Protein backbone atom coordinates (compact mmCIF):
# COMPACT_ATOMS: atom_id res chain seq x y z
CA MET A 1 106.34 118.48 108.30
CA ALA A 2 109.07 118.68 105.74
CA ARG A 3 107.91 117.59 102.21
CA GLN A 4 110.60 115.95 99.79
CA ASN A 5 110.03 115.64 96.34
CA ILE A 6 111.44 112.68 94.30
CA SER A 7 112.26 113.06 90.72
CA THR A 8 113.15 110.36 88.15
CA GLY A 9 113.46 112.51 85.09
CA SER A 10 110.28 111.56 83.33
CA PRO A 11 109.72 113.75 80.37
CA TYR A 12 106.24 114.25 81.97
CA GLU A 13 106.97 115.66 85.25
CA GLU A 14 107.83 118.83 84.05
CA SER A 15 105.01 119.27 81.62
CA ILE A 16 102.19 117.80 83.83
CA GLY A 17 103.86 119.17 87.26
CA PHE A 18 104.19 116.06 89.11
CA SER A 19 106.73 114.32 91.21
CA ARG A 20 107.81 110.46 90.95
CA ALA A 21 107.07 110.35 94.65
CA VAL A 22 106.41 112.72 97.40
CA LYS A 23 107.55 112.04 101.02
CA ILE A 24 105.69 113.67 104.04
CA GLY A 25 106.34 112.39 107.62
CA ASN A 26 106.25 108.69 107.63
CA MET A 27 104.55 108.28 104.32
CA LEU A 28 105.73 108.15 100.67
CA ALA A 29 103.17 107.95 97.53
CA VAL A 30 104.70 106.88 94.51
CA SER A 31 102.90 108.41 91.44
CA GLY A 32 101.70 106.24 88.50
CA THR A 33 104.67 104.73 87.02
CA ALA A 34 104.72 103.62 83.36
CA PRO A 35 107.49 101.91 81.62
CA ILE A 36 109.19 104.92 80.32
CA LYS A 37 112.95 104.59 79.57
CA PRO A 38 115.40 107.91 79.96
CA GLY A 39 114.64 109.68 76.85
CA GLY A 40 110.93 109.05 76.80
CA SER A 41 110.69 105.95 74.58
CA THR A 42 108.88 102.88 75.91
CA ALA A 43 110.73 100.11 77.42
CA CYS A 44 109.85 96.54 76.59
CA VAL A 45 107.15 97.10 73.88
CA GLY A 46 104.42 94.62 74.15
CA ASP A 47 105.70 92.66 76.80
CA VAL A 48 103.55 92.85 80.01
CA TYR A 49 105.95 91.23 82.11
CA GLU A 50 108.90 93.30 81.25
CA GLN A 51 106.96 96.43 81.53
CA THR A 52 105.98 95.34 84.90
CA LYS A 53 109.47 94.60 86.05
CA TYR A 54 110.52 97.91 84.51
CA CYS A 55 108.04 100.16 86.22
CA LEU A 56 108.83 98.16 89.57
CA GLY A 57 112.40 99.16 89.22
CA ILE A 58 111.63 102.67 88.87
CA ILE A 59 109.44 102.56 91.71
CA GLU A 60 112.21 100.87 93.82
CA ARG A 61 114.88 103.64 92.89
CA ALA A 62 112.67 106.27 93.95
CA ILE A 63 111.87 104.76 97.14
CA LYS A 64 115.62 104.13 98.09
CA GLU A 65 116.26 107.79 96.95
CA ALA A 66 113.75 108.59 99.77
CA GLY A 67 115.55 106.57 102.13
CA GLY A 68 113.14 103.37 102.12
CA THR A 69 113.10 99.84 100.69
CA LEU A 70 110.81 97.66 99.18
CA ASP A 71 110.04 96.39 102.48
CA ASN A 72 108.37 99.58 103.39
CA VAL A 73 105.58 99.15 100.73
CA ILE A 74 102.39 98.90 102.16
CA ARG A 75 100.05 98.88 98.92
CA THR A 76 100.48 98.76 95.15
CA ARG A 77 97.83 99.48 92.54
CA ILE A 78 98.52 97.82 89.09
CA MET A 79 96.56 99.35 86.10
CA MET A 80 96.75 97.13 82.87
CA ARG A 81 95.31 97.84 79.47
CA ASP A 82 94.22 94.34 79.28
CA ILE A 83 93.23 92.59 82.54
CA SER A 84 93.32 89.53 80.74
CA GLN A 85 97.40 89.51 81.32
CA TRP A 86 97.28 90.06 84.96
CA GLN A 87 99.13 86.99 85.65
CA GLU A 88 102.04 88.03 83.93
CA ALA A 89 101.82 91.30 85.89
CA GLY A 90 101.35 89.36 88.81
CA ARG A 91 104.58 87.02 88.29
CA ALA A 92 106.61 90.25 87.88
CA HIS A 93 104.95 91.80 90.95
CA GLY A 94 105.67 88.63 93.17
CA GLU A 95 109.09 88.66 91.95
CA PHE A 96 109.49 92.26 93.85
CA PHE A 97 107.05 91.53 96.43
CA GLY A 98 106.63 87.69 97.16
CA GLN A 99 107.85 88.00 100.75
CA ILE A 100 106.52 91.46 101.45
CA LYS A 101 102.95 91.20 100.64
CA PRO A 102 101.98 94.52 100.42
CA ALA A 103 97.96 95.12 100.15
CA SER A 104 97.58 95.13 95.97
CA THR A 105 94.76 95.93 93.23
CA PHE A 106 94.99 95.00 89.67
CA PHE A 107 92.35 96.51 87.57
CA GLN A 108 92.10 97.54 83.78
CA ALA A 109 92.31 100.88 82.58
CA SER A 110 90.77 101.51 79.09
CA SER A 111 94.01 103.68 77.98
CA PHE A 112 97.08 105.35 79.19
CA ILE A 113 98.65 108.56 77.73
CA ASN A 114 100.89 106.25 75.47
CA GLU A 115 99.34 103.56 73.84
CA GLU A 116 102.78 101.33 73.97
CA TRP A 117 102.29 101.23 77.91
CA LEU A 118 100.61 98.04 78.83
CA VAL A 119 100.84 98.63 82.80
CA MET A 120 101.21 101.40 85.24
CA ILE A 121 101.88 101.01 88.62
CA GLU A 122 101.58 103.11 92.01
CA ALA A 123 102.74 102.23 95.24
CA ASP A 124 102.52 103.73 98.95
CA CYS A 125 105.11 103.14 101.82
CA TYR A 126 105.18 103.78 105.34
CA VAL A 127 108.56 103.98 107.11
CA GLU A 128 108.75 104.29 111.10
CA GLY A 129 110.78 106.92 112.33
CA TRP A 130 110.59 109.24 109.26
CA VAL A 131 109.99 112.68 109.97
């Protein structure tokens, strides 16, 4: 099967050696996505809700670049620095996925690469007919 790597230009993609998303066959896996602005600074410092929306926007652009839509998302994983703020992240997630309702997990992570990141999100997609 053909493999397609999707890049969003994160400064970490080259140094760590990963792609924002990888499409193989009918599946698309989106890597842990942090609120990183072009140029590498952190978006929406201190605001879980806005950081969650920012991450989901990056994820949506990567999915579209691969030829899919948010309707193709079957699972999300929301990693948070402070799980007590899950409702703010959940509100943003609901704005993107309220009608789609993918399988989803929220959990607390002890830290991320950058201490300003309050949330990081992964997504998995399935698209019938992709080859």
